[in-house]
Amino acid sequence: MDEPSVVERTGLVLLSQGELVVPAPDSEAVLARIRDDGLVLEFPVEVEIRIVPACDPEDHVYATLSQLTAALEALT
């Protein structure tokens, strides 16, 4: 059996049936379980959700242009 190695560059890989893939010790990935239908890796991720009030697109354009105009006028 070959010694494990570290991926040094991003790419695609073709795995053969029966090969075992595990995350590196310092990886964010977590080896969750091995099921009958395959290996399951869980990757904890941070998701940021921003809830913004709905507005009329024309109001948004007007507000953006007003803020931009004010900022430009402040430079003079």
C-alpha atoms as a PDB file:
ATOM      1  CA  MET A   1       0.000   0.000   0.000  1.00  0.00           C
ATOM      2  CA  ASP A   2       1.275   3.477  -0.890  1.00  0.00           C
ATOM      3  CA  GLU A   3       1.972   6.019   1.815  1.00  0.00           C
ATOM      4  CA  PRO A   4      -0.653   8.780   2.148  1.00  0.00           C
ATOM      5  CA  SER A   5       0.259  12.026   0.443  1.00  0.00           C
ATOM      6  CA  VAL A   6      -0.939  15.613   0.619  1.00  0.00           C
ATOM      7  CA  VAL A   7      -2.678  17.387  -2.247  1.00  0.00           C
ATOM      8  CA  GLU A   8      -0.353  20.225  -3.220  1.00  0.00           C
ATOM      9  CA  ARG A   9      -2.528  21.711  -5.932  1.00  0.00           C
ATOM     10  CA  THR A  10      -6.245  21.777  -6.672  1.00  0.00           C
ATOM     11  CA  GLY A  11      -7.424  19.394  -9.351  1.00  0.00           C
ATOM     12  CA  LEU A  12      -9.723  16.553 -10.249  1.00  0.00           C
ATOM     13  CA  VAL A  13      -9.116  12.972  -9.251  1.00  0.00           C
ATOM     14  CA  LEU A  14     -10.502   9.655 -10.392  1.00  0.00           C
ATOM     15  CA  LEU A  15     -10.974   7.177  -7.580  1.00  0.00           C
ATOM     16  CA  SER A  16     -11.247   3.460  -8.065  1.00  0.00           C
ATOM     17  CA  GLN A  17     -13.790   1.311  -6.285  1.00  0.00           C
ATOM     18  CA  GLY A  18     -12.556   0.306  -2.854  1.00  0.00           C
ATOM     19  CA  GLU A  19     -10.191   3.245  -2.378  1.00  0.00           C
ATOM     20  CA  LEU A  20     -10.473   5.052   0.933  1.00  0.00           C
ATOM     21  CA  VAL A  21     -10.338   8.849   1.118  1.00  0.00           C
ATOM     22  CA  VAL A  22      -9.950  10.598   4.464  1.00  0.00           C
ATOM     23  CA  PRO A  23      -9.485  14.268   5.357  1.00  0.00           C
ATOM     24  CA  ALA A  24      -6.124  15.591   6.495  1.00  0.00           C
ATOM     25  CA  PRO A  25      -5.734  15.943  10.276  1.00  0.00           C
ATOM     26  CA  ASP A  26      -5.832  19.770  10.093  1.00  0.00           C
ATOM     27  CA  SER A  27      -8.643  19.848   7.538  1.00  0.00           C
ATOM     28  CA  GLU A  28     -12.061  21.348   8.196  1.00  0.00           C
ATOM     29  CA  ALA A  29     -13.575  18.193   6.735  1.00  0.00           C
ATOM     30  CA  VAL A  30     -14.938  15.595   9.122  1.00  0.00           C
ATOM     31  CA  LEU A  31     -15.147  11.907   8.289  1.00  0.00           C
ATOM     32  CA  ALA A  32     -18.708  11.265   9.321  1.00  0.00           C
ATOM     33  CA  ARG A  33     -19.428   7.650   8.488  1.00  0.00           C
ATOM     34  CA  ILE A  34     -18.984   4.888   5.977  1.00  0.00           C
ATOM     35  CA  ARG A  35     -22.322   3.670   4.644  1.00  0.00           C
ATOM     36  CA  ASP A  36     -23.135   0.760   2.415  1.00  0.00           C
ATOM     37  CA  ASP A  37     -23.549   3.152  -0.517  1.00  0.00           C
ATOM     38  CA  GLY A  38     -20.265   5.004   0.072  1.00  0.00           C
ATOM     39  CA  LEU A  39     -18.144   7.256   2.213  1.00  0.00           C
ATOM     40  CA  VAL A  40     -19.747  10.412   3.592  1.00  0.00           C
ATOM     41  CA  LEU A  41     -17.574  13.463   4.293  1.00  0.00           C
ATOM     42  CA  GLU A  42     -19.056  16.451   6.054  1.00  0.00           C
ATOM     43  CA  PHE A  43     -17.575  19.890   5.460  1.00  0.00           C
ATOM     44  CA  PRO A  44     -18.551  22.460   8.070  1.00  0.00           C
ATOM     45  CA  VAL A  45     -19.107  25.771   6.315  1.00  0.00           C
ATOM     46  CA  GLU A  46     -20.046  29.227   7.442  1.00  0.00           C
ATOM     47  CA  VAL A  47     -23.022  30.729   5.677  1.00  0.00           C
ATOM     48  CA  GLU A  48     -23.842  34.407   5.983  1.00  0.00           C
ATOM     49  CA  ILE A  49     -27.416  35.410   5.282  1.00  0.00           C
ATOM     50  CA  ARG A  50     -28.293  39.057   5.010  1.00  0.00           C
ATOM     51  CA  ILE A  51     -31.908  40.089   5.135  1.00  0.00           C
ATOM     52  CA  VAL A  52     -32.479  43.419   3.469  1.00  0.00           C
ATOM     53  CA  PRO A  53     -35.716  45.296   3.230  1.00  0.00           C
ATOM     54  CA  ALA A  54     -37.445  45.137  -0.116  1.00  0.00           C
ATOM     55  CA  CYS A  55     -37.415  48.341  -2.077  1.00  0.00           C
ATOM     56  CA  ASP A  56     -38.519  49.675  -5.402  1.00  0.00           C
ATOM     57  CA  PRO A  57     -35.593  49.420  -7.864  1.00  0.00           C
ATOM     58  CA  GLU A  58     -36.030  53.076  -8.799  1.00  0.00           C
ATOM     59  CA  ASP A  59     -35.812  54.069  -5.130  1.00  0.00           C
ATOM     60  CA  HIS A  60     -32.630  52.025  -4.844  1.00  0.00           C
ATOM     61  CA  VAL A  61     -31.110  53.763  -7.884  1.00  0.00           C
ATOM     62  CA  TYR A  62     -32.118  57.185  -6.529  1.00  0.00           C
ATOM     63  CA  ALA A  63     -30.651  56.448  -3.082  1.00  0.00           C
ATOM     64  CA  THR A  64     -27.404  55.114  -4.581  1.00  0.00           C
ATOM     65  CA  LEU A  65     -26.985  58.112  -6.885  1.00  0.00           C
ATOM     66  CA  SER A  66     -27.777  60.501  -4.023  1.00  0.00           C
ATOM     67  CA  GLN A  67     -25.128  58.904  -1.818  1.00  0.00           C
ATOM     68  CA  LEU A  68     -22.591  58.899  -4.651  1.00  0.00           C
ATOM     69  CA  THR A  69     -23.308  62.567  -5.434  1.00  0.00           C
ATOM     70  CA  ALA A  70     -22.950  63.513  -1.761  1.00  0.00           C
ATOM     71  CA  ALA A  71     -19.648  61.631  -1.513  1.00  0.00           C
ATOM     72  CA  LEU A  72     -18.281  63.303  -4.658  1.00  0.00           C
ATOM     73  CA  GLU A  73     -19.380  66.742  -3.491  1.00  0.00           C
ATOM     74  CA  ALA A  74     -17.619  66.142  -0.162  1.00  0.00           C
ATOM     75  CA  LEU A  75     -14.358  65.663  -2.058  1.00  0.00           C
ATOM     76  CA  THR A  76     -14.405  69.184  -3.499  1.00  0.00           C
END
